[in-house]
Amino acid sequence: MAEILRAPNPDECQIRFKYFMIDNGLKEGDAYRGYDFINWISEVGAEYKKSIGKHYLDILTPHEQAKFTEFIRIRVKGRTGVER
């Protein structure tokens, strides 16, 4: 059984986790399962890799990692209207 976690203060999180919280409508203190983030980042990562012509198992270069974070920001803003 997956442990239920509580969402932290988004201003104290790594940016990709903050985007996960925004995309999933999580506020500080809300319950989520730890694997929810893993599933979300894996899906978004596969979407990004496909968009740049990479296989979903390929490793991203440091430059592509930065572009991936920007891809997530744009995706979350488009889905939620929220940009942080």
C-alpha atoms as a PDB file:
ATOM      1  CA  MET A   1       0.000   0.000   0.000  1.00  0.00           C
ATOM      2  CA  ALA A   2       1.330   3.419  -0.944  1.00  0.00           C
ATOM      3  CA  GLU A   3       2.059   5.858   1.816  1.00  0.00           C
ATOM      4  CA  ILE A   4      -0.067   8.999   1.797  1.00  0.00           C
ATOM      5  CA  LEU A   5       2.080  12.124   1.840  1.00  0.00           C
ATOM      6  CA  ARG A   6       1.180  15.760   2.442  1.00  0.00           C
ATOM      7  CA  ALA A   7       2.073  18.387  -0.133  1.00  0.00           C
ATOM      8  CA  PRO A   8       4.754  20.772   1.130  1.00  0.00           C
ATOM      9  CA  ASN A   9       4.890  24.532   0.779  1.00  0.00           C
ATOM     10  CA  PRO A  10       5.347  24.977  -3.000  1.00  0.00           C
ATOM     11  CA  ASP A  11       7.787  27.842  -2.478  1.00  0.00           C
ATOM     12  CA  GLU A  12      10.139  25.395  -0.761  1.00  0.00           C
ATOM     13  CA  CYS A  13      10.015  22.753  -3.518  1.00  0.00           C
ATOM     14  CA  GLN A  14      12.139  21.923  -6.527  1.00  0.00           C
ATOM     15  CA  ILE A  15      10.554  23.623  -9.554  1.00  0.00           C
ATOM     16  CA  ARG A  16       9.378  20.441 -11.276  1.00  0.00           C
ATOM     17  CA  PHE A  17       7.585  19.302  -8.126  1.00  0.00           C
ATOM     18  CA  LYS A  18       6.020  22.737  -7.862  1.00  0.00           C
ATOM     19  CA  TYR A  19       4.724  22.340 -11.426  1.00  0.00           C
ATOM     20  CA  PHE A  20       3.378  18.892 -10.467  1.00  0.00           C
ATOM     21  CA  MET A  21       1.472  20.475  -7.610  1.00  0.00           C
ATOM     22  CA  ILE A  22       0.033  23.190  -9.862  1.00  0.00           C
ATOM     23  CA  ASP A  23      -0.886  20.740 -12.631  1.00  0.00           C
ATOM     24  CA  ASN A  24      -2.661  18.470 -10.154  1.00  0.00           C
ATOM     25  CA  GLY A  25      -4.342  21.245  -8.185  1.00  0.00           C
ATOM     26  CA  LEU A  26      -2.459  20.402  -4.983  1.00  0.00           C
ATOM     27  CA  LYS A  27      -2.163  22.964  -2.231  1.00  0.00           C
ATOM     28  CA  GLU A  28       0.075  22.809   0.811  1.00  0.00           C
ATOM     29  CA  GLY A  29      -1.157  20.043   3.122  1.00  0.00           C
ATOM     30  CA  ASP A  30      -3.148  18.171   0.464  1.00  0.00           C
ATOM     31  CA  ALA A  31      -2.735  14.385   0.344  1.00  0.00           C
ATOM     32  CA  TYR A  32      -0.989  12.635  -2.536  1.00  0.00           C
ATOM     33  CA  ARG A  33       0.852   9.355  -3.060  1.00  0.00           C
ATOM     34  CA  GLY A  34       4.600   9.465  -3.627  1.00  0.00           C
ATOM     35  CA  TYR A  35       4.339   7.585  -6.892  1.00  0.00           C
ATOM     36  CA  ASP A  36       1.897  10.187  -8.259  1.00  0.00           C
ATOM     37  CA  PHE A  37       4.837  12.502  -8.942  1.00  0.00           C
ATOM     38  CA  ILE A  38       6.904   9.702 -10.491  1.00  0.00           C
ATOM     39  CA  ASN A  39       4.040   8.780 -12.823  1.00  0.00           C
ATOM     40  CA  TRP A  40       3.434  12.419 -13.740  1.00  0.00           C
ATOM     41  CA  ILE A  41       7.083  13.286 -14.453  1.00  0.00           C
ATOM     42  CA  SER A  42       7.512  10.056 -16.453  1.00  0.00           C
ATOM     43  CA  GLU A  43       4.514  10.856 -18.641  1.00  0.00           C
ATOM     44  CA  VAL A  44       5.594  14.460 -19.188  1.00  0.00           C
ATOM     45  CA  GLY A  45       9.159  13.301 -19.859  1.00  0.00           C
ATOM     46  CA  ALA A  46       8.007  10.813 -22.492  1.00  0.00           C
ATOM     47  CA  GLU A  47       5.874  13.546 -24.093  1.00  0.00           C
ATOM     48  CA  TYR A  48       8.851  15.915 -24.187  1.00  0.00           C
ATOM     49  CA  LYS A  49      11.248  13.328 -25.572  1.00  0.00           C
ATOM     50  CA  LYS A  50       8.766  12.441 -28.314  1.00  0.00           C
ATOM     51  CA  SER A  51       8.446  16.142 -29.190  1.00  0.00           C
ATOM     52  CA  ILE A  52      12.221  16.394 -29.755  1.00  0.00           C
ATOM     53  CA  GLY A  53      12.538  13.073 -31.575  1.00  0.00           C
ATOM     54  CA  LYS A  54      14.084  11.026 -28.777  1.00  0.00           C
ATOM     55  CA  HIS A  55      13.096   7.592 -27.569  1.00  0.00           C
ATOM     56  CA  TYR A  56      11.364   7.682 -24.178  1.00  0.00           C
ATOM     57  CA  LEU A  57      14.263   5.765 -22.613  1.00  0.00           C
ATOM     58  CA  ASP A  58      16.967   8.104 -23.957  1.00  0.00           C
ATOM     59  CA  ILE A  59      18.877  10.210 -21.437  1.00  0.00           C
ATOM     60  CA  LEU A  60      18.601  13.986 -21.751  1.00  0.00           C
ATOM     61  CA  THR A  61      21.679  16.177 -22.005  1.00  0.00           C
ATOM     62  CA  PRO A  62      22.067  19.033 -19.477  1.00  0.00           C
ATOM     63  CA  HIS A  63      20.842  21.473 -22.155  1.00  0.00           C
ATOM     64  CA  GLU A  64      17.817  19.248 -22.849  1.00  0.00           C
ATOM     65  CA  GLN A  65      17.125  19.055 -19.097  1.00  0.00           C
ATOM     66  CA  ALA A  66      16.809  22.853 -18.989  1.00  0.00           C
ATOM     67  CA  LYS A  67      14.558  22.783 -22.057  1.00  0.00           C
ATOM     68  CA  PHE A  68      12.493  20.039 -20.398  1.00  0.00           C
ATOM     69  CA  THR A  69      11.822  22.239 -17.375  1.00  0.00           C
ATOM     70  CA  GLU A  70      10.702  25.017 -19.734  1.00  0.00           C
ATOM     71  CA  PHE A  71       8.501  22.501 -21.601  1.00  0.00           C
ATOM     72  CA  ILE A  72       6.840  21.585 -18.292  1.00  0.00           C
ATOM     73  CA  ARG A  73       6.283  25.266 -17.408  1.00  0.00           C
ATOM     74  CA  ILE A  74       4.590  25.949 -20.749  1.00  0.00           C
ATOM     75  CA  ARG A  75       2.537  22.744 -20.545  1.00  0.00           C
ATOM     76  CA  VAL A  76       1.311  23.492 -17.015  1.00  0.00           C
ATOM     77  CA  LYS A  77       0.518  27.106 -17.891  1.00  0.00           C
ATOM     78  CA  GLY A  78      -1.471  25.939 -20.927  1.00  0.00           C
ATOM     79  CA  ARG A  79      -3.420  23.377 -18.913  1.00  0.00           C
ATOM     80  CA  THR A  80      -4.056  25.437 -15.790  1.00  0.00           C
ATOM     81  CA  GLY A  81      -3.511  29.060 -16.746  1.00  0.00           C
ATOM     82  CA  VAL A  82      -1.138  29.306 -13.778  1.00  0.00           C
ATOM     83  CA  GLU A  83       2.462  30.378 -14.202  1.00  0.00           C
ATOM     84  CA  ARG A  84       4.876  30.602 -11.303  1.00  0.00           C
END
